[in-house]
N, C-alpha and C. Protein backbone atom coordinates (compact mmCIF):
# COMPACT_ATOMS: atom_id res chain seq x y z
N MET A 1 -178.14 -20.96 -70.84
CA MET A 1 -178.52 -20.43 -69.55
C MET A 1 -177.37 -20.44 -68.56
N GLY A 2 -176.51 -21.45 -68.65
CA GLY A 2 -175.39 -21.55 -67.74
C GLY A 2 -174.45 -20.37 -67.85
N THR A 3 -174.26 -19.86 -69.08
CA THR A 3 -173.36 -18.72 -69.25
C THR A 3 -173.96 -17.46 -68.66
N GLU A 4 -175.29 -17.32 -68.77
CA GLU A 4 -175.94 -16.14 -68.19
C GLU A 4 -175.80 -16.13 -66.67
N GLU A 5 -175.94 -17.31 -66.06
CA GLU A 5 -175.79 -17.41 -64.61
C GLU A 5 -174.36 -17.09 -64.20
N GLU A 6 -173.39 -17.58 -64.99
CA GLU A 6 -171.99 -17.31 -64.68
C GLU A 6 -171.69 -15.83 -64.80
N VAL A 7 -172.26 -15.18 -65.81
CA VAL A 7 -172.05 -13.75 -66.00
C VAL A 7 -172.65 -12.98 -64.83
N SER A 8 -173.85 -13.36 -64.39
CA SER A 8 -174.48 -12.65 -63.28
C SER A 8 -173.72 -12.88 -61.98
N VAL A 9 -173.17 -14.09 -61.80
CA VAL A 9 -172.38 -14.37 -60.61
C VAL A 9 -171.10 -13.54 -60.64
N GLU A 10 -170.48 -13.45 -61.82
CA GLU A 10 -169.26 -12.65 -61.94
C GLU A 10 -169.55 -11.18 -61.69
N GLN A 11 -170.68 -10.71 -62.19
CA GLN A 11 -171.04 -9.30 -61.96
C GLN A 11 -171.29 -9.06 -60.47
N ALA A 12 -171.96 -9.99 -59.82
CA ALA A 12 -172.22 -9.85 -58.39
C ALA A 12 -170.92 -9.84 -57.61
N ALA A 13 -169.97 -10.70 -58.01
CA ALA A 13 -168.68 -10.75 -57.33
C ALA A 13 -167.91 -9.44 -57.53
N ALA A 14 -167.97 -8.91 -58.76
CA ALA A 14 -167.28 -7.66 -59.04
C ALA A 14 -167.91 -6.51 -58.24
N ALA A 15 -169.22 -6.49 -58.16
CA ALA A 15 -169.90 -5.45 -57.39
C ALA A 15 -169.55 -5.56 -55.91
N ARG A 16 -169.45 -6.79 -55.42
CA ARG A 16 -169.09 -6.99 -54.01
C ARG A 16 -167.67 -6.51 -53.75
N ARG A 17 -166.75 -6.81 -54.66
CA ARG A 17 -165.37 -6.33 -54.50
C ARG A 17 -165.32 -4.81 -54.45
N GLU A 18 -166.09 -4.16 -55.32
CA GLU A 18 -166.10 -2.70 -55.33
C GLU A 18 -166.65 -2.14 -54.01
N ARG A 19 -167.71 -2.77 -53.50
CA ARG A 19 -168.27 -2.30 -52.22
C ARG A 19 -167.27 -2.48 -51.09
N LEU A 20 -166.57 -3.63 -51.09
CA LEU A 20 -165.57 -3.87 -50.05
C LEU A 20 -164.43 -2.87 -50.13
N LYS A 21 -164.00 -2.55 -51.35
CA LYS A 21 -162.94 -1.55 -51.52
C LYS A 21 -163.39 -0.20 -51.02
N ALA A 22 -164.62 0.17 -51.33
CA ALA A 22 -165.14 1.46 -50.88
C ALA A 22 -165.24 1.50 -49.36
N LEU A 23 -165.68 0.40 -48.76
CA LEU A 23 -165.78 0.35 -47.30
C LEU A 23 -164.40 0.44 -46.66
N ARG A 24 -163.42 -0.29 -47.22
CA ARG A 24 -162.06 -0.22 -46.69
C ARG A 24 -161.50 1.18 -46.80
N ALA A 25 -161.72 1.81 -47.94
CA ALA A 25 -161.21 3.18 -48.13
C ALA A 25 -161.86 4.13 -47.14
N ALA A 26 -163.15 3.99 -46.91
CA ALA A 26 -163.84 4.86 -45.96
C ALA A 26 -163.32 4.62 -44.54
N GLN A 27 -163.09 3.37 -44.19
CA GLN A 27 -162.59 3.06 -42.85
C GLN A 27 -161.17 3.60 -42.67
N GLU A 28 -160.35 3.49 -43.70
CA GLU A 28 -158.99 4.01 -43.61
C GLU A 28 -158.98 5.52 -43.50
N LEU A 29 -159.89 6.18 -44.20
CA LEU A 29 -159.98 7.63 -44.09
C LEU A 29 -160.40 8.04 -42.67
N LEU A 30 -161.31 7.30 -42.09
CA LEU A 30 -161.74 7.62 -40.73
C LEU A 30 -160.62 7.39 -39.72
N SER A 31 -159.88 6.30 -39.89
CA SER A 31 -158.83 5.98 -38.93
C SER A 31 -157.59 6.85 -39.14
N ALA A 32 -157.35 7.30 -40.37
CA ALA A 32 -156.17 8.10 -40.66
C ALA A 32 -156.30 9.51 -40.11
N GLY A 33 -157.49 10.08 -40.14
CA GLY A 33 -157.69 11.43 -39.62
C GLY A 33 -157.13 12.46 -40.59
N ASP A 34 -156.38 13.43 -40.06
CA ASP A 34 -155.84 14.52 -40.87
C ASP A 34 -154.41 14.27 -41.31
N ASP A 35 -153.88 13.09 -41.07
CA ASP A 35 -152.50 12.77 -41.42
C ASP A 35 -152.38 12.59 -42.93
N ASP A 36 -151.67 13.52 -43.62
CA ASP A 36 -151.56 13.48 -45.09
C ASP A 36 -150.68 12.33 -45.56
N SER A 37 -149.61 12.03 -44.82
CA SER A 37 -148.72 10.95 -45.26
C SER A 37 -149.44 9.61 -45.16
N GLY A 38 -150.29 9.45 -44.20
CA GLY A 38 -151.06 8.22 -44.06
C GLY A 38 -152.03 8.04 -45.21
N GLN A 39 -152.57 9.14 -45.73
CA GLN A 39 -153.51 9.06 -46.83
C GLN A 39 -152.80 8.62 -48.10
N ALA A 40 -151.58 9.05 -48.31
CA ALA A 40 -150.84 8.63 -49.49
C ALA A 40 -150.58 7.12 -49.43
N ASP A 41 -150.22 6.61 -48.24
CA ASP A 41 -150.01 5.18 -48.09
C ASP A 41 -151.31 4.42 -48.32
N ASP A 42 -152.42 4.98 -47.85
CA ASP A 42 -153.72 4.33 -48.02
C ASP A 42 -154.07 4.24 -49.50
N ASN A 43 -153.77 5.27 -50.27
CA ASN A 43 -154.06 5.24 -51.70
C ASN A 43 -153.24 4.16 -52.39
N ASN A 44 -151.99 3.99 -51.98
CA ASN A 44 -151.16 2.94 -52.55
C ASN A 44 -151.73 1.56 -52.20
N LYS A 45 -152.21 1.40 -51.00
CA LYS A 45 -152.81 0.12 -50.60
C LYS A 45 -154.05 -0.16 -51.42
N ALA A 46 -154.85 0.86 -51.69
CA ALA A 46 -156.08 0.67 -52.45
C ALA A 46 -155.76 0.23 -53.87
N THR A 47 -154.72 0.79 -54.48
CA THR A 47 -154.37 0.38 -55.84
C THR A 47 -153.78 -1.03 -55.84
N ASP A 48 -153.04 -1.40 -54.78
CA ASP A 48 -152.50 -2.74 -54.70
C ASP A 48 -153.62 -3.77 -54.52
N ASP A 49 -154.67 -3.40 -53.78
CA ASP A 49 -155.79 -4.32 -53.55
C ASP A 49 -156.55 -4.61 -54.82
N ASP A 50 -156.53 -3.71 -55.80
CA ASP A 50 -157.24 -3.93 -57.06
C ASP A 50 -156.68 -5.15 -57.79
N ASP A 51 -155.40 -5.41 -57.62
CA ASP A 51 -154.75 -6.50 -58.34
C ASP A 51 -154.91 -7.84 -57.61
N ASP A 52 -155.29 -7.82 -56.34
CA ASP A 52 -155.37 -9.05 -55.54
C ASP A 52 -156.63 -9.84 -55.87
N ASP A 53 -156.59 -11.15 -55.56
CA ASP A 53 -157.75 -12.03 -55.76
C ASP A 53 -158.63 -11.98 -54.52
N ASP A 54 -159.78 -12.70 -54.58
CA ASP A 54 -160.70 -12.75 -53.44
C ASP A 54 -160.04 -13.42 -52.24
N ASN A 55 -159.16 -14.39 -52.46
CA ASN A 55 -158.50 -15.08 -51.35
C ASN A 55 -157.66 -14.11 -50.54
N ASP A 56 -156.95 -13.23 -51.22
CA ASP A 56 -156.14 -12.25 -50.52
C ASP A 56 -157.03 -11.28 -49.74
N ASN A 57 -158.18 -10.92 -50.31
CA ASN A 57 -159.10 -10.01 -49.62
C ASN A 57 -159.63 -10.66 -48.34
N GLU A 58 -159.96 -11.95 -48.41
CA GLU A 58 -160.47 -12.64 -47.23
C GLU A 58 -159.40 -12.74 -46.16
N ASP A 59 -158.13 -13.00 -46.56
CA ASP A 59 -157.04 -13.07 -45.60
C ASP A 59 -156.84 -11.72 -44.93
N ALA A 60 -156.93 -10.64 -45.70
CA ALA A 60 -156.76 -9.30 -45.15
C ALA A 60 -157.88 -8.98 -44.18
N GLU A 61 -159.10 -9.41 -44.51
CA GLU A 61 -160.23 -9.16 -43.61
C GLU A 61 -160.03 -9.92 -42.29
N ASP A 62 -159.55 -11.18 -42.37
CA ASP A 62 -159.33 -11.96 -41.16
C ASP A 62 -158.22 -11.34 -40.32
N PHE A 63 -157.21 -10.81 -40.97
CA PHE A 63 -156.08 -10.22 -40.26
C PHE A 63 -156.51 -8.93 -39.54
N ASN A 64 -157.34 -8.12 -40.19
CA ASN A 64 -157.77 -6.84 -39.61
C ASN A 64 -158.91 -7.01 -38.60
N LEU A 65 -159.47 -8.19 -38.52
CA LEU A 65 -160.62 -8.42 -37.66
C LEU A 65 -160.20 -8.45 -36.19
N SER A 66 -160.81 -7.62 -35.38
CA SER A 66 -160.55 -7.67 -33.94
C SER A 66 -161.87 -8.01 -33.27
N MET A 67 -161.83 -9.03 -32.43
CA MET A 67 -163.05 -9.52 -31.80
C MET A 67 -163.18 -8.93 -30.41
N LYS A 68 -164.41 -8.59 -30.05
CA LYS A 68 -164.69 -8.10 -28.71
C LYS A 68 -165.70 -9.04 -28.08
N PHE A 69 -165.32 -9.63 -26.96
CA PHE A 69 -166.19 -10.56 -26.27
C PHE A 69 -166.83 -9.85 -25.09
N ARG A 70 -168.14 -9.65 -25.17
CA ARG A 70 -168.84 -8.98 -24.08
C ARG A 70 -169.50 -9.99 -23.14
N ASN A 71 -170.18 -10.98 -23.71
CA ASN A 71 -170.93 -11.94 -22.91
C ASN A 71 -170.33 -13.34 -22.97
N TYR A 72 -169.25 -13.50 -23.70
CA TYR A 72 -168.65 -14.82 -23.88
C TYR A 72 -167.23 -14.79 -23.32
N VAL A 73 -166.89 -15.80 -22.54
CA VAL A 73 -165.54 -15.91 -22.01
C VAL A 73 -164.81 -16.94 -22.85
N PRO A 74 -163.86 -16.52 -23.69
CA PRO A 74 -163.15 -17.48 -24.55
C PRO A 74 -162.17 -18.32 -23.74
N HIS A 75 -161.93 -19.55 -24.20
CA HIS A 75 -161.00 -20.45 -23.53
C HIS A 75 -159.57 -20.25 -24.02
N ASP A 76 -159.42 -19.75 -25.23
CA ASP A 76 -158.10 -19.54 -25.81
C ASP A 76 -157.47 -18.30 -25.19
N LYS A 77 -156.19 -18.40 -24.82
CA LYS A 77 -155.53 -17.26 -24.16
C LYS A 77 -155.34 -16.08 -25.10
N GLN A 78 -155.17 -16.35 -26.39
CA GLN A 78 -155.02 -15.25 -27.35
C GLN A 78 -156.32 -14.48 -27.50
N LEU A 79 -157.43 -15.19 -27.43
CA LEU A 79 -158.73 -14.53 -27.57
C LEU A 79 -159.15 -13.81 -26.30
N GLN A 80 -158.59 -14.19 -25.15
CA GLN A 80 -158.97 -13.54 -23.91
C GLN A 80 -158.53 -12.08 -23.87
N GLU A 81 -157.58 -11.71 -24.72
CA GLU A 81 -157.15 -10.32 -24.79
C GLU A 81 -158.28 -9.43 -25.31
N GLY A 82 -159.17 -9.99 -26.11
CA GLY A 82 -160.28 -9.23 -26.66
C GLY A 82 -161.47 -9.15 -25.73
N LYS A 83 -161.36 -9.74 -24.56
CA LYS A 83 -162.47 -9.72 -23.61
C LYS A 83 -162.67 -8.31 -23.08
N VAL A 84 -163.92 -7.86 -23.12
CA VAL A 84 -164.26 -6.51 -22.68
C VAL A 84 -164.77 -6.58 -21.25
N THR A 85 -164.25 -5.71 -20.40
CA THR A 85 -164.75 -5.69 -19.03
C THR A 85 -166.15 -5.09 -19.02
N PRO A 86 -167.03 -5.61 -18.19
CA PRO A 86 -168.39 -5.07 -18.17
C PRO A 86 -168.39 -3.63 -17.65
N PRO A 87 -169.24 -2.80 -18.21
CA PRO A 87 -169.27 -1.40 -17.78
C PRO A 87 -169.84 -1.29 -16.37
N GLU A 88 -169.34 -0.33 -15.63
CA GLU A 88 -169.86 -0.11 -14.28
C GLU A 88 -171.06 0.82 -14.38
N LEU A 89 -172.16 0.34 -13.87
CA LEU A 89 -173.38 1.12 -13.92
C LEU A 89 -173.43 2.08 -12.74
N PRO A 90 -173.98 3.27 -12.95
CA PRO A 90 -174.10 4.20 -11.83
C PRO A 90 -175.12 3.66 -10.83
N LYS A 91 -174.92 4.03 -9.58
CA LYS A 91 -175.83 3.54 -8.55
C LYS A 91 -177.19 4.20 -8.74
N PHE A 92 -178.21 3.38 -8.67
CA PHE A 92 -179.57 3.85 -8.86
C PHE A 92 -180.18 4.20 -7.52
N GLU A 93 -180.68 5.42 -7.43
CA GLU A 93 -181.36 5.84 -6.21
C GLU A 93 -182.84 5.96 -6.52
N ASP A 94 -183.63 5.24 -5.78
CA ASP A 94 -185.08 5.23 -6.01
C ASP A 94 -185.68 6.51 -5.44
N PRO A 95 -186.26 7.38 -6.29
CA PRO A 95 -186.81 8.64 -5.78
C PRO A 95 -188.04 8.42 -4.91
N VAL A 96 -188.75 7.33 -5.13
CA VAL A 96 -189.94 7.07 -4.32
C VAL A 96 -189.54 6.65 -2.91
N ALA A 97 -188.52 5.83 -2.80
CA ALA A 97 -188.09 5.36 -1.49
C ALA A 97 -187.40 6.48 -0.71
N ALA A 98 -186.79 7.43 -1.38
CA ALA A 98 -186.09 8.51 -0.71
C ALA A 98 -187.06 9.45 0.01
N ALA A 99 -188.24 9.67 -0.55
CA ALA A 99 -189.22 10.55 0.07
C ALA A 99 -189.91 9.80 1.21
N PRO A 100 -189.97 10.42 2.41
CA PRO A 100 -190.65 9.74 3.52
C PRO A 100 -192.15 9.72 3.28
N PRO A 101 -192.81 8.66 3.69
CA PRO A 101 -194.26 8.58 3.49
C PRO A 101 -194.98 9.61 4.36
N GLN A 102 -196.03 10.17 3.81
CA GLN A 102 -196.81 11.15 4.56
C GLN A 102 -197.64 10.43 5.61
N SER A 103 -197.70 11.03 6.79
CA SER A 103 -198.39 10.37 7.90
C SER A 103 -199.82 10.91 8.06
N GLU A 104 -200.58 10.88 7.01
CA GLU A 104 -201.98 11.28 7.09
C GLU A 104 -202.80 10.09 7.55
N LYS A 105 -203.87 10.39 8.26
CA LYS A 105 -204.74 9.32 8.73
C LYS A 105 -205.56 8.82 7.55
N LYS A 106 -205.35 7.59 7.19
CA LYS A 106 -206.08 7.00 6.08
C LYS A 106 -206.95 5.88 6.62
N GLU A 107 -208.17 5.85 6.12
CA GLU A 107 -209.09 4.81 6.55
C GLU A 107 -208.90 3.58 5.68
N ASP A 108 -209.22 2.48 6.25
CA ASP A 108 -209.16 1.23 5.52
C ASP A 108 -210.30 1.20 4.51
N PRO A 109 -210.03 1.03 3.21
CA PRO A 109 -211.10 1.08 2.22
C PRO A 109 -212.07 -0.09 2.33
N PHE A 110 -211.69 -1.15 3.00
CA PHE A 110 -212.55 -2.32 3.09
C PHE A 110 -213.55 -2.24 4.25
N VAL A 111 -213.41 -1.23 5.09
CA VAL A 111 -214.31 -1.11 6.23
C VAL A 111 -215.72 -0.73 5.77
N ASN A 112 -215.84 0.13 4.77
CA ASN A 112 -217.13 0.64 4.35
C ASN A 112 -217.82 -0.23 3.30
N ILE A 113 -217.24 -1.31 2.94
CA ILE A 113 -217.85 -2.16 1.93
C ILE A 113 -218.88 -3.06 2.61
N ALA A 114 -220.11 -2.99 2.11
CA ALA A 114 -221.17 -3.83 2.67
C ALA A 114 -221.17 -5.16 1.93
N PRO A 115 -221.36 -6.23 2.65
CA PRO A 115 -221.39 -7.54 1.98
C PRO A 115 -222.66 -7.69 1.14
N LYS A 116 -222.58 -8.47 0.12
CA LYS A 116 -223.74 -8.70 -0.73
C LYS A 116 -224.71 -9.63 -0.02
N LYS A 117 -225.95 -9.46 -0.38
CA LYS A 117 -226.97 -10.34 0.20
C LYS A 117 -226.77 -11.75 -0.36
N PRO A 118 -227.21 -12.74 0.39
CA PRO A 118 -226.96 -14.12 -0.06
C PRO A 118 -227.69 -14.51 -1.33
N ASN A 119 -228.74 -13.78 -1.69
CA ASN A 119 -229.49 -14.16 -2.89
C ASN A 119 -229.20 -13.25 -4.09
N TRP A 120 -228.07 -12.57 -4.10
CA TRP A 120 -227.76 -11.63 -5.18
C TRP A 120 -227.64 -12.33 -6.52
N ASP A 121 -227.11 -13.53 -6.55
CA ASP A 121 -226.96 -14.24 -7.82
C ASP A 121 -228.31 -14.71 -8.35
N LEU A 122 -229.23 -15.06 -7.43
CA LEU A 122 -230.57 -15.47 -7.87
C LEU A 122 -231.32 -14.28 -8.47
N ARG A 123 -231.20 -13.13 -7.83
CA ARG A 123 -231.85 -11.92 -8.36
C ARG A 123 -231.29 -11.55 -9.73
N ARG A 124 -230.01 -11.67 -9.88
CA ARG A 124 -229.38 -11.35 -11.17
C ARG A 124 -229.92 -12.26 -12.27
N ASP A 125 -230.04 -13.54 -11.98
CA ASP A 125 -230.50 -14.49 -12.98
C ASP A 125 -231.97 -14.29 -13.35
N VAL A 126 -232.79 -13.86 -12.39
CA VAL A 126 -234.23 -13.74 -12.61
C VAL A 126 -234.61 -12.33 -13.09
N GLN A 127 -233.67 -11.39 -13.07
CA GLN A 127 -233.99 -9.99 -13.38
C GLN A 127 -234.58 -9.83 -14.79
N LYS A 128 -234.09 -10.55 -15.76
CA LYS A 128 -234.62 -10.44 -17.13
C LYS A 128 -236.09 -10.87 -17.18
N LYS A 129 -236.39 -11.94 -16.50
CA LYS A 129 -237.79 -12.40 -16.48
C LYS A 129 -238.68 -11.42 -15.72
N LEU A 130 -238.15 -10.83 -14.65
CA LEU A 130 -238.94 -9.85 -13.89
C LEU A 130 -239.22 -8.60 -14.72
N ASP A 131 -238.25 -8.16 -15.50
CA ASP A 131 -238.47 -7.00 -16.37
C ASP A 131 -239.56 -7.29 -17.39
N LYS A 132 -239.52 -8.46 -17.97
CA LYS A 132 -240.53 -8.84 -18.95
C LYS A 132 -241.92 -8.90 -18.30
N LEU A 133 -241.98 -9.45 -17.11
CA LEU A 133 -243.25 -9.53 -16.39
C LEU A 133 -243.76 -8.14 -16.01
N GLU A 134 -242.86 -7.24 -15.65
CA GLU A 134 -243.25 -5.86 -15.30
C GLU A 134 -243.86 -5.16 -16.52
N ARG A 135 -243.30 -5.33 -17.68
CA ARG A 135 -243.84 -4.71 -18.90
C ARG A 135 -245.24 -5.26 -19.20
N ARG A 136 -245.39 -6.55 -19.07
CA ARG A 136 -246.71 -7.15 -19.33
C ARG A 136 -247.75 -6.66 -18.30
N THR A 137 -247.31 -6.50 -17.06
CA THR A 137 -248.23 -6.01 -16.03
C THR A 137 -248.69 -4.59 -16.34
N GLN A 138 -247.77 -3.72 -16.74
CA GLN A 138 -248.11 -2.34 -17.09
C GLN A 138 -249.07 -2.31 -18.28
N LYS A 139 -248.80 -3.14 -19.26
CA LYS A 139 -249.66 -3.19 -20.45
C LYS A 139 -251.08 -3.65 -20.08
N ALA A 140 -251.17 -4.64 -19.21
CA ALA A 140 -252.48 -5.14 -18.77
C ALA A 140 -253.22 -4.08 -17.97
N MET A 141 -252.51 -3.31 -17.15
CA MET A 141 -253.15 -2.25 -16.36
C MET A 141 -253.72 -1.17 -17.27
N PHE A 142 -252.99 -0.82 -18.33
CA PHE A 142 -253.49 0.21 -19.26
C PHE A 142 -254.74 -0.28 -20.01
N THR A 143 -254.77 -1.54 -20.33
CA THR A 143 -255.97 -2.05 -21.03
C THR A 143 -257.18 -2.14 -20.09
N LEU A 144 -256.96 -2.36 -18.80
CA LEU A 144 -258.07 -2.45 -17.85
C LEU A 144 -258.57 -1.09 -17.37
N MET A 145 -257.80 -0.03 -17.50
CA MET A 145 -258.18 1.30 -17.01
C MET A 145 -259.46 1.82 -17.67
N PRO A 146 -259.64 1.74 -18.95
CA PRO A 146 -260.88 2.29 -19.53
C PRO A 146 -262.13 1.59 -19.02
N PHE A 147 -262.05 0.36 -18.58
CA PHE A 147 -263.23 -0.35 -18.11
C PHE A 147 -263.67 0.14 -16.73
N ASP A 148 -262.84 0.72 -15.96
CA ASP A 148 -263.22 1.18 -14.62
C ASP A 148 -263.98 2.41 -14.72
């Protein structure tokens, strides 16, 4: 089982190297543009990278890495060069505040509200019982009608 795991790890490492090479080649093509002489140099670099170990690839990645600090202020003077100045936002003009308010006569909505009677909660609580009593009263009246 140990050899199978080693083989799968080696295959994964080889696949990762291939992906990294493809990404580097794509990035170099984008940065090179239409310059033909630059593409020839890039092809030579790609063939040289095939012979390098993973350690060399990691060193190359660290060397090509440029850091941009947007929200972090680094203490190291070398890293402060990568500090990005915050973008200047355009001034926001509120369209609602710009329009003057209309001077129509508006009534206070609370003037026409009538206060509730003091026993409104008692009526609410007893309403179910009153409905039941009303039904029974109607039923009793219908039964007494034929006797009159």
